[in-house]
Amino acid sequence: MVKVVVFDSGLGSLSIIKEIQKISKTDIIYFADQKNYPYGIKSQVQLTTIIKKTINLLEKKFMPDIIVVASNTPSLMMNLATEKIIDVKPPLKLAQKKSKSKKIG
């Protein structure tokens, strides 16, 4: 069975966990990074350090097949996606990319 770690600084990732459970039988480990909550007030340098340390910790402790960074802030500020790491991008980012004017709303 695939082992998936989902982490976030808050509870927003619980909806992501529910969706994973709907489509796949996996072992899901949820890691709430309350020590560094909220991510949104951190500088890019601080956040990069926090996320890299967290990913290393999760890899060593749980040896997951996949890590889901289920937080918008690091997903937008950092290029995290790899073969093993999945980030989330809010739909507005995709809409902005597809927009000719690059403005939404």
PDB file of N, CA and C in Angstrom:
ATOM      1  N   MET A   1       0.841  -1.177   0.000  1.00  0.00           N
ATOM      2  CA  MET A   1       0.000   0.000   0.000  1.00  0.00           C
ATOM      3  C   MET A   1       0.892   1.248   0.000  1.00  0.00           C
ATOM      4  N   VAL A   2       0.468   2.255  -0.718  1.00  0.00           N
ATOM      5  CA  VAL A   2       1.216   3.503  -0.818  1.00  0.00           C
ATOM      6  C   VAL A   2       1.080   4.298   0.480  1.00  0.00           C
ATOM      7  N   LYS A   3       2.201   4.841   0.934  1.00  0.00           N
ATOM      8  CA  LYS A   3       2.202   5.666   2.142  1.00  0.00           C
ATOM      9  C   LYS A   3       2.336   7.132   1.723  1.00  0.00           C
ATOM     10  N   VAL A   4       1.356   7.943   2.132  1.00  0.00           N
ATOM     11  CA  VAL A   4       1.312   9.360   1.775  1.00  0.00           C
ATOM     12  C   VAL A   4       1.345  10.200   3.046  1.00  0.00           C
ATOM     13  N   VAL A   5       2.240  11.185   3.067  1.00  0.00           N
ATOM     14  CA  VAL A   5       2.265  12.157   4.155  1.00  0.00           C
ATOM     15  C   VAL A   5       1.694  13.460   3.613  1.00  0.00           C
ATOM     16  N   VAL A   6       0.732  14.011   4.324  1.00  0.00           N
ATOM     17  CA  VAL A   6       0.129  15.298   3.969  1.00  0.00           C
ATOM     18  C   VAL A   6       0.478  16.264   5.089  1.00  0.00           C
ATOM     19  N   PHE A   7       1.074  17.419   4.720  1.00  0.00           N
ATOM     20  CA  PHE A   7       1.357  18.380   5.785  1.00  0.00           C
ATOM     21  C   PHE A   7       0.977  19.801   5.411  1.00  0.00           C
ATOM     22  N   ASP A   8       0.715  20.557   6.458  1.00  0.00           N
ATOM     23  CA  ASP A   8       0.212  21.922   6.346  1.00  0.00           C
ATOM     24  C   ASP A   8       0.461  22.592   7.693  1.00  0.00           C
ATOM     25  N   SER A   9       0.326  23.903   7.731  1.00  0.00           N
ATOM     26  CA  SER A   9       0.443  24.586   9.021  1.00  0.00           C
ATOM     27  C   SER A   9      -0.915  24.733   9.693  1.00  0.00           C
ATOM     28  N   GLY A  10      -1.967  24.464   8.958  1.00  0.00           N
ATOM     29  CA  GLY A  10      -3.320  24.599   9.504  1.00  0.00           C
ATOM     30  C   GLY A  10      -4.155  23.368   9.216  1.00  0.00           C
ATOM     31  N   LEU A  11      -5.457  23.569   9.179  1.00  0.00           N
ATOM     32  CA  LEU A  11      -6.378  22.444   8.984  1.00  0.00           C
ATOM     33  C   LEU A  11      -6.955  22.371   7.573  1.00  0.00           C
ATOM     34  N   GLY A  12      -6.583  23.288   6.709  1.00  0.00           N
ATOM     35  CA  GLY A  12      -7.120  23.308   5.351  1.00  0.00           C
ATOM     36  C   GLY A  12      -6.840  22.041   4.568  1.00  0.00           C
ATOM     37  N   SER A  13      -5.791  21.351   4.932  1.00  0.00           N
ATOM     38  CA  SER A  13      -5.414  20.143   4.202  1.00  0.00           C
ATOM     39  C   SER A  13      -6.325  18.953   4.487  1.00  0.00           C
ATOM     40  N   LEU A  14      -7.195  19.062   5.472  1.00  0.00           N
ATOM     41  CA  LEU A  14      -8.104  17.948   5.757  1.00  0.00           C
ATOM     42  C   LEU A  14      -9.014  17.656   4.569  1.00  0.00           C
ATOM     43  N   SER A  15      -9.376  18.684   3.809  1.00  0.00           N
ATOM     44  CA  SER A  15     -10.198  18.451   2.611  1.00  0.00           C
ATOM     45  C   SER A  15      -9.399  17.704   1.545  1.00  0.00           C
ATOM     46  N   ILE A  16      -8.107  17.935   1.485  1.00  0.00           N
ATOM     47  CA  ILE A  16      -7.248  17.208   0.541  1.00  0.00           C
ATOM     48  C   ILE A  16      -7.169  15.743   0.946  1.00  0.00           C
ATOM     49  N   ILE A  17      -7.046  15.492   2.229  1.00  0.00           N
ATOM     50  CA  ILE A  17      -7.003  14.110   2.725  1.00  0.00           C
ATOM     51  C   ILE A  17      -8.286  13.373   2.364  1.00  0.00           C
ATOM     52  N   LYS A  18      -9.426  14.025   2.527  1.00  0.00           N
ATOM     53  CA  LYS A  18     -10.708  13.391   2.174  1.00  0.00           C
ATOM     54  C   LYS A  18     -10.744  13.004   0.701  1.00  0.00           C
ATOM     55  N   GLU A  19     -10.226  13.866  -0.158  1.00  0.00           N
ATOM     56  CA  GLU A  19     -10.221  13.571  -1.596  1.00  0.00           C
ATOM     57  C   GLU A  19      -9.284  12.413  -1.921  1.00  0.00           C
ATOM     58  N   ILE A  20      -8.129  12.366  -1.277  1.00  0.00           N
ATOM     59  CA  ILE A  20      -7.204  11.246  -1.488  1.00  0.00           C
ATOM     60  C   ILE A  20      -7.875   9.941  -1.075  1.00  0.00           C
ATOM     61  N   GLN A  21      -8.577   9.964   0.047  1.00  0.00           N
ATOM     62  CA  GLN A  21      -9.257   8.765   0.536  1.00  0.00           C
ATOM     63  C   GLN A  21     -10.347   8.298  -0.418  1.00  0.00           C
ATOM     64  N   LYS A  22     -10.988   9.218  -1.121  1.00  0.00           N
ATOM     65  CA  LYS A  22     -12.044   8.853  -2.072  1.00  0.00           C
ATOM     66  C   LYS A  22     -11.504   8.100  -3.279  1.00  0.00           C
ATOM     67  N   ILE A  23     -10.300   8.457  -3.724  1.00  0.00           N
ATOM     68  CA  ILE A  23      -9.793   7.893  -4.978  1.00  0.00           C
ATOM     69  C   ILE A  23      -8.754   6.794  -4.809  1.00  0.00           C
ATOM     70  N   SER A  24      -8.247   6.606  -3.598  1.00  0.00           N
ATOM     71  CA  SER A  24      -7.165   5.644  -3.441  1.00  0.00           C
ATOM     72  C   SER A  24      -7.143   5.056  -2.037  1.00  0.00           C
ATOM     73  N   LYS A  25      -6.792   3.795  -1.967  1.00  0.00           N
ATOM     74  CA  LYS A  25      -6.584   3.161  -0.668  1.00  0.00           C
ATOM     75  C   LYS A  25      -5.107   3.349  -0.323  1.00  0.00           C
ATOM     76  N   THR A  26      -4.853   4.279   0.566  1.00  0.00           N
ATOM     77  CA  THR A  26      -3.485   4.591   0.954  1.00  0.00           C
ATOM     78  C   THR A  26      -3.394   4.716   2.463  1.00  0.00           C
ATOM     79  N   ASP A  27      -2.177   4.562   2.954  1.00  0.00           N
ATOM     80  CA  ASP A  27      -1.897   4.903   4.343  1.00  0.00           C
ATOM     81  C   ASP A  27      -1.587   6.390   4.347  1.00  0.00           C
ATOM     82  N   ILE A  28      -2.392   7.184   5.048  1.00  0.00           N
ATOM     83  CA  ILE A  28      -2.196   8.628   5.080  1.00  0.00           C
ATOM     84  C   ILE A  28      -1.740   9.047   6.472  1.00  0.00           C
ATOM     85  N   ILE A  29      -0.656   9.796   6.490  1.00  0.00           N
ATOM     86  CA  ILE A  29      -0.142  10.372   7.722  1.00  0.00           C
ATOM     87  C   ILE A  29      -0.341  11.876   7.604  1.00  0.00           C
ATOM     88  N   TYR A  30      -1.003  12.464   8.586  1.00  0.00           N
ATOM     89  CA  TYR A  30      -1.251  13.908   8.579  1.00  0.00           C
ATOM     90  C   TYR A  30      -0.305  14.576   9.561  1.00  0.00           C
ATOM     91  N   PHE A  31       0.432  15.573   9.078  1.00  0.00           N
ATOM     92  CA  PHE A  31       1.372  16.307   9.915  1.00  0.00           C
ATOM     93  C   PHE A  31       0.967  17.774   9.937  1.00  0.00           C
ATOM     94  N   ALA A  32       0.522  18.251  11.092  1.00  0.00           N
ATOM     95  CA  ALA A  32       0.131  19.656  11.251  1.00  0.00           C
ATOM     96  C   ALA A  32       1.310  20.412  11.860  1.00  0.00           C
ATOM     97  N   ASP A  33       1.887  21.300  11.097  1.00  0.00           N
ATOM     98  CA  ASP A  33       3.058  22.054  11.548  1.00  0.00           C
ATOM     99  C   ASP A  33       2.624  23.250  12.393  1.00  0.00           C
ATOM    100  N   GLN A  34       2.155  22.961  13.589  1.00  0.00           N
ATOM    101  CA  GLN A  34       1.662  24.021  14.472  1.00  0.00           C
ATOM    102  C   GLN A  34       2.789  24.886  15.026  1.00  0.00           C
ATOM    103  N   LYS A  35       3.987  24.351  15.067  1.00  0.00           N
ATOM    104  CA  LYS A  35       5.137  25.116  15.556  1.00  0.00           C
ATOM    105  C   LYS A  35       5.373  26.352  14.684  1.00  0.00           C
ATOM    106  N   ASN A  36       5.163  26.226  13.388  1.00  0.00           N
ATOM    107  CA  ASN A  36       5.455  27.318  12.455  1.00  0.00           C
ATOM    108  C   ASN A  36       4.207  28.008  11.915  1.00  0.00           C
ATOM    109  N   TYR A  37       3.057  27.744  12.506  1.00  0.00           N
ATOM    110  CA  TYR A  37       1.790  28.348  12.082  1.00  0.00           C
ATOM    111  C   TYR A  37       1.787  29.833  12.409  1.00  0.00           C
ATOM    112  N   PRO A  38       1.281  30.673  11.542  1.00  0.00           N
ATOM    113  CA  PRO A  38       0.879  30.428  10.151  1.00  0.00           C
ATOM    114  C   PRO A  38       2.044  30.645   9.187  1.00  0.00           C
ATOM    115  N   TYR A  39       2.029  29.948   8.065  1.00  0.00           N
ATOM    116  CA  TYR A  39       3.083  30.099   7.064  1.00  0.00           C
ATOM    117  C   TYR A  39       3.013  31.458   6.375  1.00  0.00           C
ATOM    118  N   GLY A  40       1.823  32.010   6.242  1.00  0.00           N
ATOM    119  CA  GLY A  40       1.612  33.228   5.459  1.00  0.00           C
ATOM    120  C   GLY A  40       2.362  34.458   5.938  1.00  0.00           C
ATOM    121  N   ILE A  41       2.805  34.471   7.190  1.00  0.00           N
ATOM    122  CA  ILE A  41       3.517  35.648   7.697  1.00  0.00           C
ATOM    123  C   ILE A  41       5.038  35.491   7.639  1.00  0.00           C
ATOM    124  N   LYS A  42       5.515  34.368   7.143  1.00  0.00           N
ATOM    125  CA  LYS A  42       6.950  34.102   7.069  1.00  0.00           C
ATOM    126  C   LYS A  42       7.533  34.702   5.789  1.00  0.00           C
ATOM    127  N   SER A  43       8.818  35.093   5.867  1.00  0.00           N
ATOM    128  CA  SER A  43       9.518  35.545   4.663  1.00  0.00           C
ATOM    129  C   SER A  43       9.809  34.319   3.795  1.00  0.00           C
ATOM    130  N   GLN A  44      10.172  34.565   2.551  1.00  0.00           N
ATOM    131  CA  GLN A  44      10.470  33.442   1.659  1.00  0.00           C
ATOM    132  C   GLN A  44      11.668  32.646   2.177  1.00  0.00           C
ATOM    133  N   VAL A  45      12.668  33.328   2.717  1.00  0.00           N
ATOM    134  CA  VAL A  45      13.849  32.644   3.262  1.00  0.00           C
ATOM    135  C   VAL A  45      13.450  31.776   4.457  1.00  0.00           C
ATOM    136  N   GLN A  46      12.669  32.339   5.379  1.00  0.00           N
ATOM    137  CA  GLN A  46      12.212  31.569   6.544  1.00  0.00           C
ATOM    138  C   GLN A  46      11.399  30.356   6.106  1.00  0.00           C
ATOM    139  N   LEU A  47      10.473  30.585   5.195  1.00  0.00           N
ATOM    140  CA  LEU A  47       9.591  29.508   4.756  1.00  0.00           C
ATOM    141  C   LEU A  47      10.362  28.407   4.039  1.00  0.00           C
ATOM    142  N   THR A  48      11.322  28.787   3.208  1.00  0.00           N
ATOM    143  CA  THR A  48      12.139  27.792   2.510  1.00  0.00           C
ATOM    144  C   THR A  48      12.861  26.905   3.515  1.00  0.00           C
ATOM    145  N   THR A  49      13.448  27.505   4.533  1.00  0.00           N
ATOM    146  CA  THR A  49      14.147  26.739   5.571  1.00  0.00           C
ATOM    147  C   THR A  49      13.186  25.809   6.306  1.00  0.00           C
ATOM    148  N   ILE A  50      12.033  26.328   6.697  1.00  0.00           N
ATOM    149  CA  ILE A  50      11.027  25.539   7.420  1.00  0.00           C
ATOM    150  C   ILE A  50      10.566  24.346   6.586  1.00  0.00           C
ATOM    151  N   ILE A  51      10.223  24.587   5.339  1.00  0.00           N
ATOM    152  CA  ILE A  51       9.678  23.519   4.488  1.00  0.00           C
ATOM    153  C   ILE A  51      10.735  22.459   4.203  1.00  0.00           C
ATOM    154  N   LYS A  52      11.958  22.869   3.901  1.00  0.00           N
ATOM    155  CA  LYS A  52      13.024  21.889   3.639  1.00  0.00           C
ATOM    156  C   LYS A  52      13.282  21.018   4.869  1.00  0.00           C
ATOM    157  N   LYS A  53      13.333  21.641   6.055  1.00  0.00           N
ATOM    158  CA  LYS A  53      13.534  20.871   7.290  1.00  0.00           C
ATOM    159  C   LYS A  53      12.368  19.919   7.539  1.00  0.00           C
ATOM    160  N   THR A  54      11.159  20.394   7.288  1.00  0.00           N
ATOM    161  CA  THR A  54       9.972  19.560   7.501  1.00  0.00           C
ATOM    162  C   THR A  54       9.974  18.370   6.553  1.00  0.00           C
ATOM    163  N   ILE A  55      10.276  18.606   5.287  1.00  0.00           N
ATOM    164  CA  ILE A  55      10.318  17.508   4.315  1.00  0.00           C
ATOM    165  C   ILE A  55      11.375  16.486   4.720  1.00  0.00           C
ATOM    166  N   ASN A  56      12.557  16.939   5.129  1.00  0.00           N
ATOM    167  CA  ASN A  56      13.605  16.014   5.575  1.00  0.00           C
ATOM    168  C   ASN A  56      13.154  15.200   6.782  1.00  0.00           C
ATOM    169  N   LEU A  57      12.508  15.852   7.748  1.00  0.00           N
ATOM    170  CA  LEU A  57      11.995  15.160   8.930  1.00  0.00           C
ATOM    171  C   LEU A  57      10.976  14.094   8.543  1.00  0.00           C
ATOM    172  N   LEU A  58      10.041  14.464   7.680  1.00  0.00           N
ATOM    173  CA  LEU A  58       8.991  13.525   7.271  1.00  0.00           C
ATOM    174  C   LEU A  58       9.565  12.338   6.509  1.00  0.00           C
ATOM    175  N   GLU A  59      10.555  12.596   5.654  1.00  0.00           N
ATOM    176  CA  GLU A  59      11.182  11.499   4.907  1.00  0.00           C
ATOM    177  C   GLU A  59      11.891  10.529   5.842  1.00  0.00           C
ATOM    178  N   LYS A  60      12.615  11.052   6.815  1.00  0.00           N
ATOM    179  CA  LYS A  60      13.350  10.192   7.749  1.00  0.00           C
ATOM    180  C   LYS A  60      12.419   9.430   8.687  1.00  0.00           C
ATOM    181  N   LYS A  61      11.415  10.121   9.208  1.00  0.00           N
ATOM    182  CA  LYS A  61      10.542   9.517  10.218  1.00  0.00           C
ATOM    183  C   LYS A  61       9.536   8.526   9.634  1.00  0.00           C
ATOM    184  N   PHE A  62       8.964   8.853   8.470  1.00  0.00           N
ATOM    185  CA  PHE A  62       7.864   8.043   7.938  1.00  0.00           C
ATOM    186  C   PHE A  62       8.191   7.283   6.652  1.00  0.00           C
ATOM    187  N   MET A  63       9.260   7.645   5.968  1.00  0.00           N
ATOM    188  CA  MET A  63       9.646   7.028   4.691  1.00  0.00           C
ATOM    189  C   MET A  63       8.454   6.903   3.735  1.00  0.00           C
ATOM    190  N   PRO A  64       7.805   8.020   3.430  1.00  0.00           N
ATOM    191  CA  PRO A  64       6.615   7.965   2.573  1.00  0.00           C
ATOM    192  C   PRO A  64       6.961   7.778   1.101  1.00  0.00           C
ATOM    193  N   ASP A  65       5.983   7.276   0.357  1.00  0.00           N
ATOM    194  CA  ASP A  65       6.119   7.197  -1.098  1.00  0.00           C
ATOM    195  C   ASP A  65       5.862   8.566  -1.723  1.00  0.00           C
ATOM    196  N   ILE A  66       4.959   9.319  -1.110  1.00  0.00           N
ATOM    197  CA  ILE A  66       4.572  10.640  -1.612  1.00  0.00           C
ATOM    198  C   ILE A  66       4.415  11.591  -0.430  1.00  0.00           C
ATOM    199  N   ILE A  67       4.850  12.839  -0.632  1.00  0.00           N
ATOM    200  CA  ILE A  67       4.619  13.903   0.344  1.00  0.00           C
ATOM    201  C   ILE A  67       3.772  14.963  -0.341  1.00  0.00           C
ATOM    202  N   VAL A  68       2.660  15.319   0.288  1.00  0.00           N
ATOM    203  CA  VAL A  68       1.785  16.368  -0.240  1.00  0.00           C
ATOM    204  C   VAL A  68       1.955  17.606   0.636  1.00  0.00           C
ATOM    205  N   VAL A  69       2.486  18.669   0.030  1.00  0.00           N
ATOM    206  CA  VAL A  69       2.589  19.958   0.713  1.00  0.00           C
ATOM    207  C   VAL A  69       1.244  20.635   0.485  1.00  0.00           C
ATOM    208  N   ALA A  70       0.373  20.534   1.474  1.00  0.00           N
ATOM    209  CA  ALA A  70      -1.028  20.933   1.303  1.00  0.00           C
ATOM    210  C   ALA A  70      -1.291  22.352   1.786  1.00  0.00           C
ATOM    211  N   SER A  71      -0.339  23.219   1.554  1.00  0.00           N
ATOM    212  CA  SER A  71      -0.472  24.616   1.968  1.00  0.00           C
ATOM    213  C   SER A  71      -0.241  25.515   0.764  1.00  0.00           C
ATOM    214  N   ASN A  72      -1.118  26.476   0.581  1.00  0.00           N
ATOM    215  CA  ASN A  72      -0.988  27.395  -0.554  1.00  0.00           C
ATOM    216  C   ASN A  72       0.281  28.226  -0.493  1.00  0.00           C
ATOM    217  N   THR A  73       0.651  28.715   0.685  1.00  0.00           N
ATOM    218  CA  THR A  73       1.774  29.649   0.787  1.00  0.00           C
ATOM    219  C   THR A  73       3.078  29.056   0.264  1.00  0.00           C
ATOM    220  N   PRO A  74       3.564  27.920   0.790  1.00  0.00           N
ATOM    221  CA  PRO A  74       4.810  27.385   0.225  1.00  0.00           C
ATOM    222  C   PRO A  74       4.640  26.896  -1.210  1.00  0.00           C
ATOM    223  N   SER A  75       3.448  26.441  -1.561  1.00  0.00           N
ATOM    224  CA  SER A  75       3.216  25.981  -2.931  1.00  0.00           C
ATOM    225  C   SER A  75       3.385  27.116  -3.931  1.00  0.00           C
ATOM    226  N   LEU A  76       2.986  28.319  -3.542  1.00  0.00           N
ATOM    227  CA  LEU A  76       3.109  29.474  -4.426  1.00  0.00           C
ATOM    228  C   LEU A  76       4.490  30.119  -4.362  1.00  0.00           C
ATOM    229  N   MET A  77       5.149  30.059  -3.216  1.00  0.00           N
ATOM    230  CA  MET A  77       6.434  30.738  -3.040  1.00  0.00           C
ATOM    231  C   MET A  77       7.633  29.904  -3.464  1.00  0.00           C
ATOM    232  N   MET A  78       7.476  28.587  -3.491  1.00  0.00           N
ATOM    233  CA  MET A  78       8.607  27.704  -3.758  1.00  0.00           C
ATOM    234  C   MET A  78       8.261  26.746  -4.889  1.00  0.00           C
ATOM    235  N   ASN A  79       9.287  26.271  -5.569  1.00  0.00           N
ATOM    236  CA  ASN A  79       9.093  25.242  -6.585  1.00  0.00           C
ATOM    237  C   ASN A  79       9.355  23.897  -5.915  1.00  0.00           C
ATOM    238  N   LEU A  80       8.305  23.257  -5.437  1.00  0.00           N
ATOM    239  CA  LEU A  80       8.438  22.047  -4.628  1.00  0.00           C
ATOM    240  C   LEU A  80       8.216  20.751  -5.388  1.00  0.00           C
ATOM    241  N   ALA A  81       7.471  20.810  -6.452  1.00  0.00           N
ATOM    242  CA  ALA A  81       7.034  19.593  -7.133  1.00  0.00           C
ATOM    243  C   ALA A  81       8.219  18.781  -7.654  1.00  0.00           C
ATOM    244  N   THR A  82       8.258  17.525  -7.251  1.00  0.00           N
ATOM    245  CA  THR A  82       9.241  16.559  -7.742  1.00  0.00           C
ATOM    246  C   THR A  82       8.484  15.262  -7.996  1.00  0.00           C
ATOM    247  N   GLU A  83       9.224  14.214  -8.267  1.00  0.00           N
ATOM    248  CA  GLU A  83       8.585  12.913  -8.470  1.00  0.00           C
ATOM    249  C   GLU A  83       7.887  12.435  -7.200  1.00  0.00           C
ATOM    250  N   LYS A  84       8.422  12.826  -6.043  1.00  0.00           N
ATOM    251  CA  LYS A  84       7.902  12.355  -4.760  1.00  0.00           C
ATOM    252  C   LYS A  84       7.079  13.412  -4.014  1.00  0.00           C
ATOM    253  N   ILE A  85       7.289  14.679  -4.338  1.00  0.00           N
ATOM    254  CA  ILE A  85       6.631  15.771  -3.616  1.00  0.00           C
ATOM    255  C   ILE A  85       5.589  16.438  -4.506  1.00  0.00           C
ATOM    256  N   ILE A  86       4.388  16.549  -3.971  1.00  0.00           N
ATOM    257  CA  ILE A  86       3.280  17.185  -4.686  1.00  0.00           C
ATOM    258  C   ILE A  86       2.880  18.422  -3.897  1.00  0.00           C
ATOM    259  N   ASP A  87       2.744  19.540  -4.594  1.00  0.00           N
ATOM    260  CA  ASP A  87       2.252  20.732  -3.912  1.00  0.00           C
ATOM    261  C   ASP A  87       0.865  21.071  -4.436  1.00  0.00           C
ATOM    262  N   VAL A  88       0.252  22.037  -3.818  1.00  0.00           N
ATOM    263  CA  VAL A  88      -1.078  22.471  -4.252  1.00  0.00           C
ATOM    264  C   VAL A  88      -0.968  23.883  -4.790  1.00  0.00           C
ATOM    265  N   LYS A  89      -1.690  24.136  -5.825  1.00  0.00           N
ATOM    266  CA  LYS A  89      -1.742  25.481  -6.393  1.00  0.00           C
ATOM    267  C   LYS A  89      -3.205  25.883  -6.438  1.00  0.00           C
ATOM    268  N   PRO A  90      -3.529  27.032  -5.849  1.00  0.00           N
ATOM    269  CA  PRO A  90      -4.928  27.452  -5.905  1.00  0.00           C
ATOM    270  C   PRO A  90      -5.356  27.699  -7.350  1.00  0.00           C
ATOM    271  N   PRO A  91      -6.628  27.503  -7.651  1.00  0.00           N
ATOM    272  CA  PRO A  91      -7.122  27.682  -9.023  1.00  0.00           C
ATOM    273  C   PRO A  91      -6.840  29.065  -9.606  1.00  0.00           C
ATOM    274  N   LEU A  92      -6.721  30.086  -8.775  1.00  0.00           N
ATOM    275  CA  LEU A  92      -6.447  31.427  -9.295  1.00  0.00           C
ATOM    276  C   LEU A  92      -5.100  31.510  -9.987  1.00  0.00           C
ATOM    277  N   LYS A  93      -4.118  30.776  -9.511  1.00  0.00           N
ATOM    278  CA  LYS A  93      -2.795  30.782 -10.136  1.00  0.00           C
ATOM    279  C   LYS A  93      -2.889  30.224 -11.550  1.00  0.00           C
ATOM    280  N   LEU A  94      -3.619  29.133 -11.719  1.00  0.00           N
ATOM    281  CA  LEU A  94      -3.813  28.548 -13.041  1.00  0.00           C
ATOM    282  C   LEU A  94      -4.595  29.500 -13.936  1.00  0.00           C
ATOM    283  N   ALA A  95      -5.617  30.124 -13.390  1.00  0.00           N
ATOM    284  CA  ALA A  95      -6.415  31.081 -14.169  1.00  0.00           C
ATOM    285  C   ALA A  95      -5.558  32.262 -14.617  1.00  0.00           C
ATOM    286  N   GLN A  96      -4.677  32.716 -13.753  1.00  0.00           N
ATOM    287  CA  GLN A  96      -3.801  33.832 -14.106  1.00  0.00           C
ATOM    288  C   GLN A  96      -2.874  33.443 -15.250  1.00  0.00           C
ATOM    289  N   LYS A  97      -2.340  32.225 -15.211  1.00  0.00           N
ATOM    290  CA  LYS A  97      -1.466  31.758 -16.287  1.00  0.00           C
ATOM    291  C   LYS A  97      -2.196  31.722 -17.620  1.00  0.00           C
ATOM    292  N   LYS A  98      -3.471  31.320 -17.590  1.00  0.00           N
ATOM    293  CA  LYS A  98      -4.242  31.182 -18.821  1.00  0.00           C
ATOM    294  C   LYS A  98      -4.798  32.510 -19.325  1.00  0.00           C
ATOM    295  N   SER A  99      -4.835  33.510 -18.458  1.00  0.00           N
ATOM    296  CA  SER A  99      -5.396  34.811 -18.817  1.00  0.00           C
ATOM    297  C   SER A  99      -4.439  35.577 -19.732  1.00  0.00           C
ATOM    298  N   LYS A 100      -4.978  36.171 -20.786  1.00  0.00           N
ATOM    299  CA  LYS A 100      -4.150  36.968 -21.696  1.00  0.00           C
ATOM    300  C   LYS A 100      -3.589  38.198 -20.994  1.00  0.00           C
ATOM    301  N   SER A 101      -4.386  38.826 -20.138  1.00  0.00           N
ATOM    302  CA  SER A 101      -3.947  40.045 -19.452  1.00  0.00           C
ATOM    303  C   SER A 101      -3.174  39.746 -18.165  1.00  0.00           C
ATOM    304  N   LYS A 102      -3.188  38.484 -17.730  1.00  0.00           N
ATOM    305  CA  LYS A 102      -2.561  38.043 -16.476  1.00  0.00           C
ATOM    306  C   LYS A 102      -3.241  38.635 -15.247  1.00  0.00           C
ATOM    307  N   LYS A 103      -4.450  39.160 -15.432  1.00  0.00           N
ATOM    308  CA  LYS A 103      -5.222  39.708 -14.321  1.00  0.00           C
ATOM    309  C   LYS A 103      -6.533  38.945 -14.201  1.00  0.00           C
ATOM    310  N   ILE A 104      -6.936  38.692 -12.979  1.00  0.00           N
ATOM    311  CA  ILE A 104      -8.184  37.978 -12.715  1.00  0.00           C
ATOM    312  C   ILE A 104      -9.101  38.908 -11.933  1.00  0.00           C
ATOM    313  N   GLY A 105     -10.359  38.990 -12.386  1.00  0.00           N
ATOM    314  CA  GLY A 105     -11.344  39.790 -11.653  1.00  0.00           C
ATOM    315  C   GLY A 105     -11.447  41.214 -12.115  1.00  0.00           C
TER     316      GLY A 105
END
